[in-house]
Amino acid sequence: MVDTYSTEVNKLEKLRAAWLPAVEFLFGEAVEEAKFDGFEVRDDITKPSMIFAYVDEPYRYTIQMPVRVFTNDVMLLADVIQEMVRGLFPIGTQDAKTSALCEGAAVFGAITAIKQVFGEETVDSYLNALKEQAFPFYDAFSYVAVLLAEDQQAIKKLRGVQPFLYKIERADFETADVEIDRKIKDILLLSFRA
């Protein structure tokens, strides 16, 4: 299939190249097994998603973006960053469950980028919209924000123990020397439901 959205794909590739160092600075490098094959722009989807098409390479992925995301620069940046963060520890073809820790980290990355590019007012607007329209993501973000306020390196430390963030278990916090209230830890480890 010929890419009918080459201008948009080019824009996505430039965004990814520009922001990858910042995402890795926040959360560490991608797992060794992850292989990013590029972006696809589709008019028949409503939200971004990762597609894992290779059974023999379970962490090889393509990011599909809806064409409508190009009408709002804030949402475009947020969606690209969230998928990039997820790409650091992709779920893969085995369709594992994600956790509040993973989804909160993805939103935290997006919020950090929005703040850098668009400022605090836009962050407030984005968070209010998230709270009203996608509360589970707002909630996950809030707990990750608490974790990172306690220890800015917490996610990197945890990924040093278990690179796939969705596989983190309670004992990994102690192994990684990440101290956080037990209740917050339990919430971060819950299976994420949107």
Protein backbone atom coordinates (compact mmCIF):
# COMPACT_ATOMS: atom_id res chain seq x y z
CA MET A 1 0.00 0.00 0.00
CA VAL A 2 1.35 3.40 -0.99
CA ASP A 3 1.60 5.82 1.91
CA THR A 4 -0.96 8.50 1.16
CA TYR A 5 0.06 10.43 4.26
CA SER A 6 3.81 10.86 3.66
CA THR A 7 3.86 14.51 4.86
CA GLU A 8 2.24 13.53 8.16
CA VAL A 9 4.54 10.50 8.59
CA ASN A 10 7.54 12.78 7.96
CA LYS A 11 6.26 15.17 10.66
CA LEU A 12 5.85 12.26 13.08
CA GLU A 13 9.37 10.99 12.36
CA LYS A 14 10.80 14.48 13.02
CA LEU A 15 8.88 14.74 16.30
CA ARG A 16 10.14 11.34 17.39
CA ALA A 17 13.74 12.15 16.50
CA ALA A 18 13.56 15.46 18.36
CA TRP A 19 11.97 14.02 21.52
CA LEU A 20 13.59 10.60 21.83
CA PRO A 21 16.57 11.91 23.85
CA ALA A 22 14.21 13.62 26.32
CA VAL A 23 12.05 10.50 26.69
CA GLU A 24 15.15 8.37 27.29
CA PHE A 25 16.47 10.95 29.77
CA LEU A 26 13.25 10.66 31.78
CA PHE A 27 12.71 6.90 31.64
CA GLY A 28 15.85 5.20 30.28
CA GLU A 29 16.58 3.61 26.94
CA ALA A 30 14.30 1.19 25.14
CA VAL A 31 14.60 -2.49 25.94
CA GLU A 32 17.10 -4.22 23.68
CA GLU A 33 14.37 -6.32 22.04
CA ALA A 34 12.28 -3.31 20.96
CA LYS A 35 12.37 -2.47 17.27
CA PHE A 36 10.48 0.54 15.94
CA ASP A 37 9.39 0.12 12.31
CA GLY A 38 7.92 3.59 11.83
CA PHE A 39 4.59 5.35 11.76
CA GLU A 40 1.42 4.76 9.79
CA VAL A 41 -1.26 7.43 9.46
CA ARG A 42 -4.78 6.06 9.17
CA ASP A 43 -8.17 7.67 8.69
CA ASP A 44 -10.07 4.65 10.01
CA ILE A 45 -8.84 4.77 13.63
CA THR A 46 -9.67 7.18 16.45
CA LYS A 47 -6.70 6.78 18.78
CA PRO A 48 -3.01 5.93 18.44
CA SER A 49 -1.95 2.33 18.87
CA MET A 50 1.04 0.05 18.58
CA ILE A 51 0.80 -2.80 16.10
CA PHE A 52 2.89 -5.94 16.65
CA ALA A 53 2.84 -7.83 13.36
CA TYR A 54 5.77 -10.23 13.75
CA VAL A 55 5.29 -13.32 15.89
CA ASP A 56 9.00 -14.18 15.67
CA GLU A 57 9.90 -10.63 16.79
CA PRO A 58 7.33 -9.96 19.51
CA TYR A 59 8.63 -6.47 20.40
CA ARG A 60 8.87 -5.16 16.84
CA TYR A 61 6.18 -2.54 16.36
CA THR A 62 4.64 0.15 14.19
CA ILE A 63 2.79 3.12 15.66
CA GLN A 64 -0.51 3.89 13.98
CA MET A 65 -1.75 7.46 14.33
CA PRO A 66 -5.23 8.73 13.42
CA VAL A 67 -5.21 11.44 10.75
CA ARG A 68 -7.44 13.64 12.94
CA VAL A 69 -4.59 14.14 15.47
CA PHE A 70 -2.94 16.56 13.03
CA THR A 71 -5.66 19.15 13.68
CA ASN A 72 -4.39 19.85 17.22
CA ASP A 73 -0.68 20.38 17.91
CA VAL A 74 -1.02 19.73 21.65
CA MET A 75 -2.75 16.39 21.11
CA LEU A 76 -0.28 15.47 18.37
CA LEU A 77 2.67 16.02 20.69
CA ALA A 78 0.94 14.25 23.61
CA ASP A 79 0.00 11.21 21.52
CA VAL A 80 3.46 10.85 19.95
CA ILE A 81 5.22 11.13 23.33
CA GLN A 82 2.86 8.64 24.98
CA GLU A 83 3.47 6.06 22.26
CA MET A 84 7.22 6.71 22.42
CA VAL A 85 7.24 6.06 26.17
CA ARG A 86 5.27 2.84 25.64
CA GLY A 87 7.85 1.92 22.98
CA LEU A 88 10.60 1.87 25.62
CA PHE A 89 9.00 -1.26 27.07
CA PRO A 90 6.55 -2.53 24.42
CA ILE A 91 3.89 -5.03 25.41
CA GLY A 92 4.60 -7.20 22.36
CA THR A 93 2.58 -9.84 20.59
CA GLN A 94 1.82 -11.78 23.77
CA ASP A 95 -0.75 -9.08 24.69
CA ALA A 96 0.31 -8.67 28.32
CA LYS A 97 -1.58 -6.46 30.74
CA THR A 98 -0.31 -2.96 31.27
CA SER A 99 -0.20 -1.28 34.68
CA ALA A 100 -1.07 2.11 36.10
CA LEU A 101 2.71 2.64 36.39
CA CYS A 102 3.15 2.21 32.61
CA GLU A 103 0.21 4.36 31.57
CA GLY A 104 1.03 7.01 34.17
CA ALA A 105 4.61 7.18 32.89
CA ALA A 106 3.33 7.64 29.32
CA VAL A 107 1.07 10.53 30.38
CA PHE A 108 3.84 12.00 32.56
CA GLY A 109 6.11 12.08 29.50
CA ALA A 110 3.40 13.81 27.47
CA ILE A 111 2.75 16.38 30.22
CA THR A 112 6.48 17.13 30.44
CA ALA A 113 6.65 17.73 26.67
CA ILE A 114 3.50 19.88 26.64
CA LYS A 115 4.91 22.02 29.45
CA GLN A 116 8.19 22.51 27.55
CA VAL A 117 6.52 23.48 24.26
CA PHE A 118 3.22 25.11 25.19
CA GLY A 119 3.61 26.23 28.81
CA GLU A 120 1.87 25.75 32.13
CA GLU A 121 -1.56 27.06 31.02
CA THR A 122 -1.80 24.42 28.32
CA VAL A 123 -0.76 21.74 30.81
CA ASP A 124 -3.59 22.82 33.13
CA SER A 125 -6.05 22.67 30.22
CA TYR A 126 -4.79 19.26 29.15
CA LEU A 127 -4.98 17.86 32.69
CA ASN A 128 -8.51 19.22 33.17
CA ALA A 129 -9.61 17.60 29.90
CA LEU A 130 -7.91 14.36 30.91
CA LYS A 131 -9.64 14.43 34.30
CA GLU A 132 -13.04 14.90 32.66
CA GLN A 133 -12.70 12.63 29.62
CA ALA A 134 -10.15 9.96 30.56
CA PHE A 135 -9.98 9.80 34.34
CA PRO A 136 -8.06 6.48 34.58
CA PHE A 137 -5.15 8.10 32.67
CA TYR A 138 -5.30 11.19 34.89
CA ASP A 139 -5.31 9.00 37.98
CA ALA A 140 -2.35 6.91 36.77
CA PHE A 141 -0.45 10.11 35.93
CA SER A 142 -1.13 11.50 39.41
CA TYR A 143 0.40 8.47 41.14
CA VAL A 144 3.45 8.45 38.83
CA ALA A 145 3.87 12.18 39.53
CA VAL A 146 3.92 11.40 43.28
CA LEU A 147 6.47 8.61 42.69
CA LEU A 148 8.74 10.90 40.65
CA ALA A 149 8.36 13.75 43.14
CA GLU A 150 9.74 11.38 45.81
CA ASP A 151 12.54 10.11 43.56
CA GLN A 152 13.16 11.61 40.10
CA GLN A 153 15.09 8.50 39.08
CA ALA A 154 12.48 6.00 40.32
CA ILE A 155 11.38 4.73 36.93
CA LYS A 156 14.95 4.41 35.67
CA LYS A 157 15.86 2.53 38.87
CA LEU A 158 12.88 0.21 38.51
CA ARG A 159 13.70 -0.41 34.86
CA GLY A 160 17.25 -1.23 35.95
CA VAL A 161 15.76 -4.17 37.84
CA GLN A 162 13.05 -5.03 35.28
CA PRO A 163 13.35 -3.22 31.90
CA PHE A 164 9.74 -4.05 30.97
CA LEU A 165 7.91 -1.63 33.25
CA TYR A 166 4.62 -3.57 33.08
CA LYS A 167 6.40 -6.60 34.62
CA ILE A 168 7.44 -4.67 37.76
CA GLU A 169 6.38 -6.38 40.98
CA ARG A 170 6.22 -5.13 44.56
CA ALA A 171 9.62 -6.62 45.50
CA ASP A 172 11.29 -4.76 42.61
CA PHE A 173 10.77 -1.46 44.44
CA GLU A 174 12.93 -2.68 47.30
CA THR A 175 15.54 -4.19 44.97
CA ALA A 176 15.71 -0.90 43.07
CA ASP A 177 15.90 1.09 46.32
CA VAL A 178 12.76 3.05 45.50
CA GLU A 179 10.88 4.06 48.63
CA ILE A 180 7.24 4.96 48.27
CA ASP A 181 4.16 4.53 50.44
CA ARG A 182 2.80 0.96 50.20
CA LYS A 183 -0.65 2.18 49.15
CA ILE A 184 0.77 4.19 46.24
CA LYS A 185 2.98 1.26 45.23
CA ASP A 186 -0.06 -1.05 45.18
CA ILE A 187 -2.03 1.38 43.03
CA LEU A 188 0.86 1.76 40.58
CA LEU A 189 1.02 -2.01 40.18
CA LEU A 190 -2.69 -2.47 39.49
CA SER A 191 -3.69 -3.62 36.01
CA PHE A 192 -4.68 -0.56 34.03
CA ARG A 193 -8.27 -0.26 32.86
CA ALA A 194 -9.30 2.67 30.69
